[in-house]
Each structure stands twice: as C-alpha cells, then as structure tokens.
Amino acid sequence: GVGKSTVAVNLAVALANDGAKVGLVDADIYGP
C-alpha cells in the first residue's frame, strides 16, 4: 500500500513518452 504500482506505471509511461521501448511486468499475486 505504498504506491509501488503507481510509481511503476508512471515511470514506464514517462519513459515510453521519452522514446524508450518499455515493458512492464506485474507479478503482484495479492493485488495486480
């Protein structure tokens, strides 16, 4: 509940918007 997924999504989208090829893996079995 500290915002890991929110940080990961925002970081991934920001990098993609800057032109990076980005993949995001979500392995959170308790709350994907």
mmCIF file of all heavy atoms, coordinates in Angstrom:
data_MODEL
# 
_entry.id   MODEL 
# 
loop_
_atom_site.group_PDB 
_atom_site.id 
_atom_site.type_symbol 
_atom_site.label_atom_id 
_atom_site.label_alt_id 
_atom_site.label_comp_id 
_atom_site.label_asym_id 
_atom_site.label_entity_id 
_atom_site.label_seq_id 
_atom_site.pdbx_PDB_ins_code 
_atom_site.Cartn_x 
_atom_site.Cartn_y 
_atom_site.Cartn_z 
_atom_site.occupancy 
_atom_site.B_iso_or_equiv 
_atom_site.pdbx_formal_charge 
_atom_site.auth_seq_id 
_atom_site.auth_comp_id 
_atom_site.auth_asym_id 
_atom_site.auth_atom_id 
_atom_site.pdbx_PDB_model_num 
ATOM 1   N N   . GLY A 1 1  ? 0.781  -1.235  0.000   1.00 0.00 ? 1  GLY A N   1 
ATOM 2   C CA  . GLY A 1 1  ? 0.000  0.000   0.000   1.00 0.00 ? 1  GLY A CA  1 
ATOM 3   C C   . GLY A 1 1  ? 0.810  1.280   0.000   1.00 0.00 ? 1  GLY A C   1 
ATOM 4   O O   . GLY A 1 1  ? 0.338  2.315   0.465   1.00 0.00 ? 1  GLY A O   1 
ATOM 5   N N   . VAL A 1 2  ? 2.028  1.229   -0.528  1.00 0.00 ? 2  VAL A N   1 
ATOM 6   C CA  . VAL A 1 2  ? 2.869  2.430   -0.527  1.00 0.00 ? 2  VAL A CA  1 
ATOM 7   C C   . VAL A 1 2  ? 2.983  3.085   -1.913  1.00 0.00 ? 2  VAL A C   1 
ATOM 8   O O   . VAL A 1 2  ? 3.685  4.065   -2.067  1.00 0.00 ? 2  VAL A O   1 
ATOM 9   C CB  . VAL A 1 2  ? 4.286  2.135   0.029   1.00 0.00 ? 2  VAL A CB  1 
ATOM 10  C CG1 . VAL A 1 2  ? 4.205  1.759   1.490   1.00 0.00 ? 2  VAL A CG1 1 
ATOM 11  C CG2 . VAL A 1 2  ? 4.989  1.062   -0.773  1.00 0.00 ? 2  VAL A CG2 1 
ATOM 12  N N   . GLY A 1 3  ? 2.294  2.536   -2.915  1.00 0.00 ? 3  GLY A N   1 
ATOM 13  C CA  . GLY A 1 3  ? 2.293  3.159   -4.234  1.00 0.00 ? 3  GLY A CA  1 
ATOM 14  C C   . GLY A 1 3  ? 3.283  2.595   -5.226  1.00 0.00 ? 3  GLY A C   1 
ATOM 15  O O   . GLY A 1 3  ? 3.633  3.268   -6.206  1.00 0.00 ? 3  GLY A O   1 
ATOM 16  N N   . LYS A 1 4  ? 3.740  1.369   -5.018  1.00 0.00 ? 4  LYS A N   1 
ATOM 17  C CA  . LYS A 1 4  ? 4.717  0.768   -5.935  1.00 0.00 ? 4  LYS A CA  1 
ATOM 18  C C   . LYS A 1 4  ? 4.169  0.682   -7.353  1.00 0.00 ? 4  LYS A C   1 
ATOM 19  O O   . LYS A 1 4  ? 4.848  1.039   -8.315  1.00 0.00 ? 4  LYS A O   1 
ATOM 20  C CB  . LYS A 1 4  ? 5.106  -0.637  -5.463  1.00 0.00 ? 4  LYS A CB  1 
ATOM 21  C CG  . LYS A 1 4  ? 5.803  -0.679  -4.122  1.00 0.00 ? 4  LYS A CG  1 
ATOM 22  C CD  . LYS A 1 4  ? 6.072  -2.096  -3.670  1.00 0.00 ? 4  LYS A CD  1 
ATOM 23  C CE  . LYS A 1 4  ? 4.820  -2.871  -3.358  1.00 0.00 ? 4  LYS A CE  1 
ATOM 24  N NZ  . LYS A 1 4  ? 4.126  -2.492  -2.137  1.00 0.00 ? 4  LYS A NZ  1 
ATOM 25  N N   . SER A 1 5  ? 2.943  0.215   -7.487  1.00 0.00 ? 5  SER A N   1 
ATOM 26  C CA  . SER A 1 5  ? 2.349  0.068   -8.817  1.00 0.00 ? 5  SER A CA  1 
ATOM 27  C C   . SER A 1 5  ? 2.145  1.423   -9.481  1.00 0.00 ? 5  SER A C   1 
ATOM 28  O O   . SER A 1 5  ? 2.393  1.580   -10.672 1.00 0.00 ? 5  SER A O   1 
ATOM 29  C CB  . SER A 1 5  ? 1.019  -0.677  -8.728  1.00 0.00 ? 5  SER A CB  1 
ATOM 30  O OG  . SER A 1 5  ? 1.223  -1.990  -8.285  1.00 0.00 ? 5  SER A OG  1 
ATOM 31  N N   . THR A 1 6  ? 1.723  2.406   -8.710  1.00 0.00 ? 6  THR A N   1 
ATOM 32  C CA  . THR A 1 6  ? 1.532  3.758   -9.255  1.00 0.00 ? 6  THR A CA  1 
ATOM 33  C C   . THR A 1 6  ? 2.849  4.333   -9.748  1.00 0.00 ? 6  THR A C   1 
ATOM 34  O O   . THR A 1 6  ? 2.928  4.905   -10.836 1.00 0.00 ? 6  THR A O   1 
ATOM 35  C CB  . THR A 1 6  ? 0.915  4.679   -8.185  1.00 0.00 ? 6  THR A CB  1 
ATOM 36  O OG1 . THR A 1 6  ? -0.314 4.096   -7.735  1.00 0.00 ? 6  THR A OG1 1 
ATOM 37  C CG2 . THR A 1 6  ? 0.647  6.066   -8.739  1.00 0.00 ? 6  THR A CG2 1 
ATOM 38  N N   . VAL A 1 7  ? 3.898  4.166   -8.966  1.00 0.00 ? 7  VAL A N   1 
ATOM 39  C CA  . VAL A 1 7  ? 5.229  4.644   -9.372  1.00 0.00 ? 7  VAL A CA  1 
ATOM 40  C C   . VAL A 1 7  ? 5.684  3.907   -10.626 1.00 0.00 ? 7  VAL A C   1 
ATOM 41  O O   . VAL A 1 7  ? 6.177  4.516   -11.577 1.00 0.00 ? 7  VAL A O   1 
ATOM 42  C CB  . VAL A 1 7  ? 6.252  4.466   -8.227  1.00 0.00 ? 7  VAL A CB  1 
ATOM 43  C CG1 . VAL A 1 7  ? 7.678  4.672   -8.723  1.00 0.00 ? 7  VAL A CG1 1 
ATOM 44  C CG2 . VAL A 1 7  ? 5.942  5.428   -7.099  1.00 0.00 ? 7  VAL A CG2 1 
ATOM 45  N N   . ALA A 1 8  ? 5.503  2.582   -10.651 1.00 0.00 ? 8  ALA A N   1 
ATOM 46  C CA  . ALA A 1 8  ? 5.944  1.786   -11.797 1.00 0.00 ? 8  ALA A CA  1 
ATOM 47  C C   . ALA A 1 8  ? 5.220  2.208   -13.074 1.00 0.00 ? 8  ALA A C   1 
ATOM 48  O O   . ALA A 1 8  ? 5.846  2.350   -14.132 1.00 0.00 ? 8  ALA A O   1 
ATOM 49  C CB  . ALA A 1 8  ? 5.725  0.298   -11.518 1.00 0.00 ? 8  ALA A CB  1 
ATOM 50  N N   . VAL A 1 9  ? 3.902  2.406   -13.004 1.00 0.00 ? 9  VAL A N   1 
ATOM 51  C CA  . VAL A 1 9  ? 3.122  2.806   -14.184 1.00 0.00 ? 9  VAL A CA  1 
ATOM 52  C C   . VAL A 1 9  ? 3.555  4.179   -14.665 1.00 0.00 ? 9  VAL A C   1 
ATOM 53  O O   . VAL A 1 9  ? 3.785  4.390   -15.864 1.00 0.00 ? 9  VAL A O   1 
ATOM 54  C CB  . VAL A 1 9  ? 1.607  2.779   -13.880 1.00 0.00 ? 9  VAL A CB  1 
ATOM 55  C CG1 . VAL A 1 9  ? 0.817  3.534   -14.930 1.00 0.00 ? 9  VAL A CG1 1 
ATOM 56  C CG2 . VAL A 1 9  ? 1.115  1.348   -13.778 1.00 0.00 ? 9  VAL A CG2 1 
ATOM 57  N N   . ASN A 1 10 ? 3.672  5.130   -13.759 1.00 0.00 ? 10 ASN A N   1 
ATOM 58  C CA  . ASN A 1 10 ? 4.062  6.486   -14.166 1.00 0.00 ? 10 ASN A CA  1 
ATOM 59  C C   . ASN A 1 10 ? 5.468  6.528   -14.733 1.00 0.00 ? 10 ASN A C   1 
ATOM 60  O O   . ASN A 1 10 ? 5.728  7.224   -15.716 1.00 0.00 ? 10 ASN A O   1 
ATOM 61  C CB  . ASN A 1 10 ? 3.916  7.449   -12.980 1.00 0.00 ? 10 ASN A CB  1 
ATOM 62  C CG  . ASN A 1 10 ? 2.479  7.831   -12.748 1.00 0.00 ? 10 ASN A CG  1 
ATOM 63  O OD1 . ASN A 1 10 ? 1.851  8.452   -13.586 1.00 0.00 ? 10 ASN A OD1 1 
ATOM 64  N ND2 . ASN A 1 10 ? 1.944  7.429   -11.608 1.00 0.00 ? 10 ASN A ND2 1 
ATOM 65  N N   . LEU A 1 11 ? 6.373  5.780   -14.156 1.00 0.00 ? 11 LEU A N   1 
ATOM 66  C CA  . LEU A 1 11 ? 7.749  5.710   -14.664 1.00 0.00 ? 11 LEU A CA  1 
ATOM 67  C C   . LEU A 1 11 ? 7.772  5.077   -16.052 1.00 0.00 ? 11 LEU A C   1 
ATOM 68  O O   . LEU A 1 11 ? 8.429  5.582   -16.968 1.00 0.00 ? 11 LEU A O   1 
ATOM 69  C CB  . LEU A 1 11 ? 8.617  4.918   -13.690 1.00 0.00 ? 11 LEU A CB  1 
ATOM 70  C CG  . LEU A 1 11 ? 10.092 4.792   -14.001 1.00 0.00 ? 11 LEU A CG  1 
ATOM 71  C CD1 . LEU A 1 11 ? 10.750 6.160   -14.099 1.00 0.00 ? 11 LEU A CD1 1 
ATOM 72  C CD2 . LEU A 1 11 ? 10.778 3.959   -12.923 1.00 0.00 ? 11 LEU A CD2 1 
ATOM 73  N N   . ALA A 1 12 ? 7.035  3.986   -16.227 1.00 0.00 ? 12 ALA A N   1 
ATOM 74  C CA  . ALA A 1 12 ? 7.001  3.295   -17.519 1.00 0.00 ? 12 ALA A CA  1 
ATOM 75  C C   . ALA A 1 12 ? 6.426  4.193   -18.613 1.00 0.00 ? 12 ALA A C   1 
ATOM 76  O O   . ALA A 1 12 ? 6.981  4.286   -19.714 1.00 0.00 ? 12 ALA A O   1 
ATOM 77  C CB  . ALA A 1 12 ? 6.185  2.009   -17.407 1.00 0.00 ? 12 ALA A CB  1 
ATOM 78  N N   . VAL A 1 13 ? 5.312  4.858   -18.337 1.00 0.00 ? 13 VAL A N   1 
ATOM 79  C CA  . VAL A 1 13 ? 4.687  5.726   -19.344 1.00 0.00 ? 13 VAL A CA  1 
ATOM 80  C C   . VAL A 1 13 ? 5.574  6.931   -19.647 1.00 0.00 ? 13 VAL A C   1 
ATOM 81  O O   . VAL A 1 13 ? 5.728  7.326   -20.805 1.00 0.00 ? 13 VAL A O   1 
ATOM 82  C CB  . VAL A 1 13 ? 3.276  6.164   -18.892 1.00 0.00 ? 13 VAL A CB  1 
ATOM 83  C CG1 . VAL A 1 13 ? 2.691  7.214   -19.828 1.00 0.00 ? 13 VAL A CG1 1 
ATOM 84  C CG2 . VAL A 1 13 ? 2.344  4.953   -18.816 1.00 0.00 ? 13 VAL A CG2 1 
ATOM 85  N N   . ALA A 1 14 ? 6.209  7.497   -18.631 1.00 0.00 ? 14 ALA A N   1 
ATOM 86  C CA  . ALA A 1 14 ? 7.114  8.636   -18.852 1.00 0.00 ? 14 ALA A CA  1 
ATOM 87  C C   . ALA A 1 14 ? 8.297  8.235   -19.726 1.00 0.00 ? 14 ALA A C   1 
ATOM 88  O O   . ALA A 1 14 ? 8.673  8.971   -20.654 1.00 0.00 ? 14 ALA A O   1 
ATOM 89  C CB  . ALA A 1 14 ? 7.602  9.190   -17.515 1.00 0.00 ? 14 ALA A CB  1 
ATOM 90  N N   . LEU A 1 15 ? 8.874  7.067   -19.459 1.00 0.00 ? 15 LEU A N   1 
ATOM 91  C CA  . LEU A 1 15 ? 9.987  6.606   -20.287 1.00 0.00 ? 15 LEU A CA  1 
ATOM 92  C C   . LEU A 1 15 ? 9.537  6.343   -21.722 1.00 0.00 ? 15 LEU A C   1 
ATOM 93  O O   . LEU A 1 15 ? 10.242 6.672   -22.675 1.00 0.00 ? 15 LEU A O   1 
ATOM 94  C CB  . LEU A 1 15 ? 10.604 5.340   -19.681 1.00 0.00 ? 15 LEU A CB  1 
ATOM 95  C CG  . LEU A 1 15 ? 11.413 5.548   -18.403 1.00 0.00 ? 15 LEU A CG  1 
ATOM 96  C CD1 . LEU A 1 15 ? 11.714 4.213   -17.733 1.00 0.00 ? 15 LEU A CD1 1 
ATOM 97  C CD2 . LEU A 1 15 ? 12.686 6.313   -18.689 1.00 0.00 ? 15 LEU A CD2 1 
ATOM 98  N N   . ALA A 1 16 ? 8.353  5.748   -21.888 1.00 0.00 ? 16 ALA A N   1 
ATOM 99  C CA  . ALA A 1 16 ? 7.821  5.499   -23.235 1.00 0.00 ? 16 ALA A CA  1 
ATOM 100 C C   . ALA A 1 16 ? 7.570  6.818   -23.958 1.00 0.00 ? 16 ALA A C   1 
ATOM 101 O O   . ALA A 1 16 ? 7.852  6.939   -25.152 1.00 0.00 ? 16 ALA A O   1 
ATOM 102 C CB  . ALA A 1 16 ? 6.538  4.677   -23.149 1.00 0.00 ? 16 ALA A CB  1 
ATOM 103 N N   . ASN A 1 17 ? 7.049  7.815   -23.253 1.00 0.00 ? 17 ASN A N   1 
ATOM 104 C CA  . ASN A 1 17 ? 6.815  9.125   -23.864 1.00 0.00 ? 17 ASN A CA  1 
ATOM 105 C C   . ASN A 1 17 ? 8.111  9.799   -24.285 1.00 0.00 ? 17 ASN A C   1 
ATOM 106 O O   . ASN A 1 17 ? 8.123  10.632  -25.183 1.00 0.00 ? 17 ASN A O   1 
ATOM 107 C CB  . ASN A 1 17 ? 6.036  10.035  -22.908 1.00 0.00 ? 17 ASN A CB  1 
ATOM 108 C CG  . ASN A 1 17 ? 4.581  9.673   -22.813 1.00 0.00 ? 17 ASN A CG  1 
ATOM 109 O OD1 . ASN A 1 17 ? 4.033  8.977   -23.674 1.00 0.00 ? 17 ASN A OD1 1 
ATOM 110 N ND2 . ASN A 1 17 ? 3.923  10.120  -21.754 1.00 0.00 ? 17 ASN A ND2 1 
ATOM 111 N N   . ASP A 1 18 ? 9.212  9.442   -23.625 1.00 0.00 ? 18 ASP A N   1 
ATOM 112 C CA  . ASP A 1 18 ? 10.528 9.975   -23.990 1.00 0.00 ? 18 ASP A CA  1 
ATOM 113 C C   . ASP A 1 18 ? 11.185 9.182   -25.107 1.00 0.00 ? 18 ASP A C   1 
ATOM 114 O O   . ASP A 1 18 ? 12.311 9.453   -25.484 1.00 0.00 ? 18 ASP A O   1 
ATOM 115 C CB  . ASP A 1 18 ? 11.459 9.996   -22.776 1.00 0.00 ? 18 ASP A CB  1 
ATOM 116 C CG  . ASP A 1 18 ? 11.385 11.299  -22.011 1.00 0.00 ? 18 ASP A CG  1 
ATOM 117 O OD1 . ASP A 1 18 ? 10.718 12.239  -22.474 1.00 0.00 ? 18 ASP A OD1 1 
ATOM 118 O OD2 . ASP A 1 18 ? 12.021 11.379  -20.941 1.00 0.00 ? 18 ASP A OD2 1 
ATOM 119 N N   . GLY A 1 19 ? 10.492 8.156   -25.607 1.00 0.00 ? 19 GLY A N   1 
ATOM 120 C CA  . GLY A 1 19 ? 11.004 7.400   -26.749 1.00 0.00 ? 19 GLY A CA  1 
ATOM 121 C C   . GLY A 1 19 ? 11.618 6.057   -26.413 1.00 0.00 ? 19 GLY A C   1 
ATOM 122 O O   . GLY A 1 19 ? 12.098 5.360   -27.308 1.00 0.00 ? 19 GLY A O   1 
ATOM 123 N N   . ALA A 1 20 ? 11.622 5.670   -25.148 1.00 0.00 ? 20 ALA A N   1 
ATOM 124 C CA  . ALA A 1 20 ? 12.201 4.371   -24.775 1.00 0.00 ? 20 ALA A CA  1 
ATOM 125 C C   . ALA A 1 20 ? 11.225 3.248   -25.112 1.00 0.00 ? 20 ALA A C   1 
ATOM 126 O O   . ALA A 1 20 ? 10.014 3.444   -25.101 1.00 0.00 ? 20 ALA A O   1 
ATOM 127 C CB  . ALA A 1 20 ? 12.527 4.349   -23.284 1.00 0.00 ? 20 ALA A CB  1 
ATOM 128 N N   . LYS A 1 21 ? 11.766 2.096   -25.413 1.00 0.00 ? 21 LYS A N   1 
ATOM 129 C CA  . LYS A 1 21 ? 10.950 0.891   -25.561 1.00 0.00 ? 21 LYS A CA  1 
ATOM 130 C C   . LYS A 1 21 ? 10.796 0.324   -24.160 1.00 0.00 ? 21 LYS A C   1 
ATOM 131 O O   . LYS A 1 21 ? 11.793 -0.010  -23.507 1.00 0.00 ? 21 LYS A O   1 
ATOM 132 C CB  . LYS A 1 21 ? 11.620 -0.127  -26.468 1.00 0.00 ? 21 LYS A CB  1 
ATOM 133 C CG  . LYS A 1 21 ? 11.657 0.302   -27.913 1.00 0.00 ? 21 LYS A CG  1 
ATOM 134 C CD  . LYS A 1 21 ? 12.271 -0.785  -28.761 1.00 0.00 ? 21 LYS A CD  1 
ATOM 135 C CE  . LYS A 1 21 ? 12.320 -0.349  -30.213 1.00 0.00 ? 21 LYS A CE  1 
ATOM 136 N NZ  . LYS A 1 21 ? 12.942 -1.372  -31.054 1.00 0.00 ? 21 LYS A NZ  1 
ATOM 137 N N   . VAL A 1 22 ? 9.555  0.222   -23.686 1.00 0.00 ? 22 VAL A N   1 
ATOM 138 C CA  . VAL A 1 22 ? 9.320  -0.114  -22.285 1.00 0.00 ? 22 VAL A CA  1 
ATOM 139 C C   . VAL A 1 22 ? 8.392  -1.308  -22.154 1.00 0.00 ? 22 VAL A C   1 
ATOM 140 O O   . VAL A 1 22 ? 7.365  -1.388  -22.826 1.00 0.00 ? 22 VAL A O   1 
ATOM 141 C CB  . VAL A 1 22 ? 8.706  1.088   -21.527 1.00 0.00 ? 22 VAL A CB  1 
ATOM 142 C CG1 . VAL A 1 22 ? 8.492  0.752   -20.064 1.00 0.00 ? 22 VAL A CG1 1 
ATOM 143 C CG2 . VAL A 1 22 ? 9.585  2.319   -21.664 1.00 0.00 ? 22 VAL A CG2 1 
ATOM 144 N N   . GLY A 1 23 ? 8.761  -2.220  -21.259 1.00 0.00 ? 23 GLY A N   1 
ATOM 145 C CA  . GLY A 1 23 ? 7.899  -3.322  -20.878 1.00 0.00 ? 23 GLY A CA  1 
ATOM 146 C C   . GLY A 1 23 ? 7.691  -3.277  -19.376 1.00 0.00 ? 23 GLY A C   1 
ATOM 147 O O   . GLY A 1 23 ? 8.595  -2.927  -18.623 1.00 0.00 ? 23 GLY A O   1 
ATOM 148 N N   . LEU A 1 24 ? 6.483  -3.594  -18.930 1.00 0.00 ? 24 LEU A N   1 
ATOM 149 C CA  . LEU A 1 24 ? 6.138  -3.560  -17.513 1.00 0.00 ? 24 LEU A CA  1 
ATOM 150 C C   . LEU A 1 24 ? 5.602  -4.927  -17.112 1.00 0.00 ? 24 LEU A C   1 
ATOM 151 O O   . LEU A 1 24 ? 4.660  -5.430  -17.722 1.00 0.00 ? 24 LEU A O   1 
ATOM 152 C CB  . LEU A 1 24 ? 5.084  -2.472  -17.270 1.00 0.00 ? 24 LEU A CB  1 
ATOM 153 C CG  . LEU A 1 24 ? 4.564  -2.258  -15.857 1.00 0.00 ? 24 LEU A CG  1 
ATOM 154 C CD1 . LEU A 1 24 ? 5.687  -1.918  -14.897 1.00 0.00 ? 24 LEU A CD1 1 
ATOM 155 C CD2 . LEU A 1 24 ? 3.537  -1.130  -15.870 1.00 0.00 ? 24 LEU A CD2 1 
ATOM 156 N N   . VAL A 1 25 ? 6.225  -5.532  -16.111 1.00 0.00 ? 25 VAL A N   1 
ATOM 157 C CA  . VAL A 1 25 ? 5.797  -6.846  -15.628 1.00 0.00 ? 25 VAL A CA  1 
ATOM 158 C C   . VAL A 1 25 ? 5.186  -6.670  -14.249 1.00 0.00 ? 25 VAL A C   1 
ATOM 159 O O   . VAL A 1 25 ? 5.805  -6.090  -13.355 1.00 0.00 ? 25 VAL A O   1 
ATOM 160 C CB  . VAL A 1 25 ? 6.986  -7.832  -15.550 1.00 0.00 ? 25 VAL A CB  1 
ATOM 161 C CG1 . VAL A 1 25 ? 6.532  -9.167  -14.974 1.00 0.00 ? 25 VAL A CG1 1 
ATOM 162 C CG2 . VAL A 1 25 ? 7.617  -8.016  -16.913 1.00 0.00 ? 25 VAL A CG2 1 
ATOM 163 N N   . ASP A 1 26 ? 3.960  -7.166  -14.087 1.00 0.00 ? 26 ASP A N   1 
ATOM 164 C CA  . ASP A 1 26 ? 3.239  -7.079  -12.818 1.00 0.00 ? 26 ASP A CA  1 
ATOM 165 C C   . ASP A 1 26 ? 3.060  -8.487  -12.280 1.00 0.00 ? 26 ASP A C   1 
ATOM 166 O O   . ASP A 1 26 ? 2.297  -9.274  -12.818 1.00 0.00 ? 26 ASP A O   1 
ATOM 167 C CB  . ASP A 1 26 ? 1.878  -6.423  -13.068 1.00 0.00 ? 26 ASP A CB  1 
ATOM 168 C CG  . ASP A 1 26 ? 0.985  -6.394  -11.836 1.00 0.00 ? 26 ASP A CG  1 
ATOM 169 O OD1 . ASP A 1 26 ? 1.507  -6.469  -10.710 1.00 0.00 ? 26 ASP A OD1 1 
ATOM 170 O OD2 . ASP A 1 26 ? -0.239 -6.278  -12.013 1.00 0.00 ? 26 ASP A OD2 1 
ATOM 171 N N   . ALA A 1 27 ? 3.788  -8.811  -11.218 1.00 0.00 ? 27 ALA A N   1 
ATOM 172 C CA  . ALA A 1 27 ? 3.714  -10.149 -10.635 1.00 0.00 ? 27 ALA A CA  1 
ATOM 173 C C   . ALA A 1 27 ? 3.101  -10.114 -9.242  1.00 0.00 ? 27 ALA A C   1 
ATOM 174 O O   . ALA A 1 27 ? 3.361  -10.980 -8.419  1.00 0.00 ? 27 ALA A O   1 
ATOM 175 C CB  . ALA A 1 27 ? 5.105  -10.766 -10.595 1.00 0.00 ? 27 ALA A CB  1 
ATOM 176 N N   . ASP A 1 28 ? 2.282  -9.114  -8.964  1.00 0.00 ? 28 ASP A N   1 
ATOM 177 C CA  . ASP A 1 28 ? 1.655  -8.962  -7.649  1.00 0.00 ? 28 ASP A CA  1 
ATOM 178 C C   . ASP A 1 28 ? 0.454  -9.897  -7.550  1.00 0.00 ? 28 ASP A C   1 
ATOM 179 O O   . ASP A 1 28 ? -0.623 -9.601  -8.060  1.00 0.00 ? 28 ASP A O   1 
ATOM 180 C CB  . ASP A 1 28 ? 1.228  -7.510  -7.452  1.00 0.00 ? 28 ASP A CB  1 
ATOM 181 C CG  . ASP A 1 28 ? 0.696  -7.234  -6.057  1.00 0.00 ? 28 ASP A CG  1 
ATOM 182 O OD1 . ASP A 1 28 ? 0.411  -8.197  -5.316  1.00 0.00 ? 28 ASP A OD1 1 
ATOM 183 O OD2 . ASP A 1 28 ? 0.551  -6.047  -5.723  1.00 0.00 ? 28 ASP A OD2 1 
ATOM 184 N N   . ILE A 1 29 ? 0.632  -11.021 -6.891  1.00 0.00 ? 29 ILE A N   1 
ATOM 185 C CA  . ILE A 1 29 ? -0.449 -12.012 -6.830  1.00 0.00 ? 29 ILE A CA  1 
ATOM 186 C C   . ILE A 1 29 ? -1.549 -11.611 -5.857  1.00 0.00 ? 29 ILE A C   1 
ATOM 187 O O   . ILE A 1 29 ? -2.658 -12.126 -5.936  1.00 0.00 ? 29 ILE A O   1 
ATOM 188 C CB  . ILE A 1 29 ? 0.078  -13.422 -6.468  1.00 0.00 ? 29 ILE A CB  1 
ATOM 189 C CG1 . ILE A 1 29 ? 0.781  -13.402 -5.116  1.00 0.00 ? 29 ILE A CG1 1 
ATOM 190 C CG2 . ILE A 1 29 ? 0.997  -13.942 -7.559  1.00 0.00 ? 29 ILE A CG2 1 
ATOM 191 C CD1 . ILE A 1 29 ? 1.189  -14.761 -4.610  1.00 0.00 ? 29 ILE A CD1 1 
ATOM 192 N N   . TYR A 1 30 ? -1.285 -10.674 -4.947  1.00 0.00 ? 30 TYR A N   1 
ATOM 193 C CA  . TYR A 1 30 ? -2.296 -10.269 -3.971  1.00 0.00 ? 30 TYR A CA  1 
ATOM 194 C C   . TYR A 1 30 ? -3.176 -9.122  -4.456  1.00 0.00 ? 30 TYR A C   1 
ATOM 195 O O   . TYR A 1 30 ? -4.285 -8.954  -3.973  1.00 0.00 ? 30 TYR A O   1 
ATOM 196 C CB  . TYR A 1 30 ? -1.630 -9.892  -2.649  1.00 0.00 ? 30 TYR A CB  1 
ATOM 197 C CG  . TYR A 1 30 ? -0.958 -11.062 -1.996  1.00 0.00 ? 30 TYR A CG  1 
ATOM 198 C CD1 . TYR A 1 30 ? 0.422  -11.149 -1.956  1.00 0.00 ? 30 TYR A CD1 1 
ATOM 199 C CD2 . TYR A 1 30 ? -1.711 -12.097 -1.460  1.00 0.00 ? 30 TYR A CD2 1 
ATOM 200 C CE1 . TYR A 1 30 ? 1.051  -12.244 -1.369  1.00 0.00 ? 30 TYR A CE1 1 
ATOM 201 C CE2 . TYR A 1 30 ? -1.096 -13.201 -0.879  1.00 0.00 ? 30 TYR A CE2 1 
ATOM 202 C CZ  . TYR A 1 30 ? 0.276  -13.264 -0.838  1.00 0.00 ? 30 TYR A CZ  1 
ATOM 203 O OH  . TYR A 1 30 ? 0.884  -14.336 -0.265  1.00 0.00 ? 30 TYR A OH  1 
ATOM 204 N N   . GLY A 1 31 ? -2.705 -8.339  -5.378  1.00 0.00 ? 31 GLY A N   1 
ATOM 205 C CA  . GLY A 1 31 ? -3.497 -7.215  -5.861  1.00 0.00 ? 31 GLY A CA  1 
ATOM 206 C C   . GLY A 1 31 ? -2.960 -6.660  -7.155  1.00 0.00 ? 31 GLY A C   1 
ATOM 207 O O   . GLY A 1 31 ? -2.452 -5.542  -7.199  1.00 0.00 ? 31 GLY A O   1 
ATOM 208 N N   . PRO A 1 32 ? -3.026 -7.434  -8.235  1.00 0.00 ? 32 PRO A N   1 
ATOM 209 C CA  . PRO A 1 32 ? -2.476 -6.962  -9.515  1.00 0.00 ? 32 PRO A CA  1 
ATOM 210 C C   . PRO A 1 32 ? -3.327 -5.832  -10.089 1.00 0.00 ? 32 PRO A C   1 
ATOM 211 O O   . PRO A 1 32 ? -4.390 -6.052  -10.641 1.00 0.00 ? 32 PRO A O   1 
ATOM 212 C CB  . PRO A 1 32 ? -2.529 -8.214  -10.392 1.00 0.00 ? 32 PRO A CB  1 
ATOM 213 C CG  . PRO A 1 32 ? -3.615 -9.047  -9.790  1.00 0.00 ? 32 PRO A CG  1 
ATOM 214 C CD  . PRO A 1 32 ? -3.630 -8.753  -8.330  1.00 0.00 ? 32 PRO A CD  1 
# 
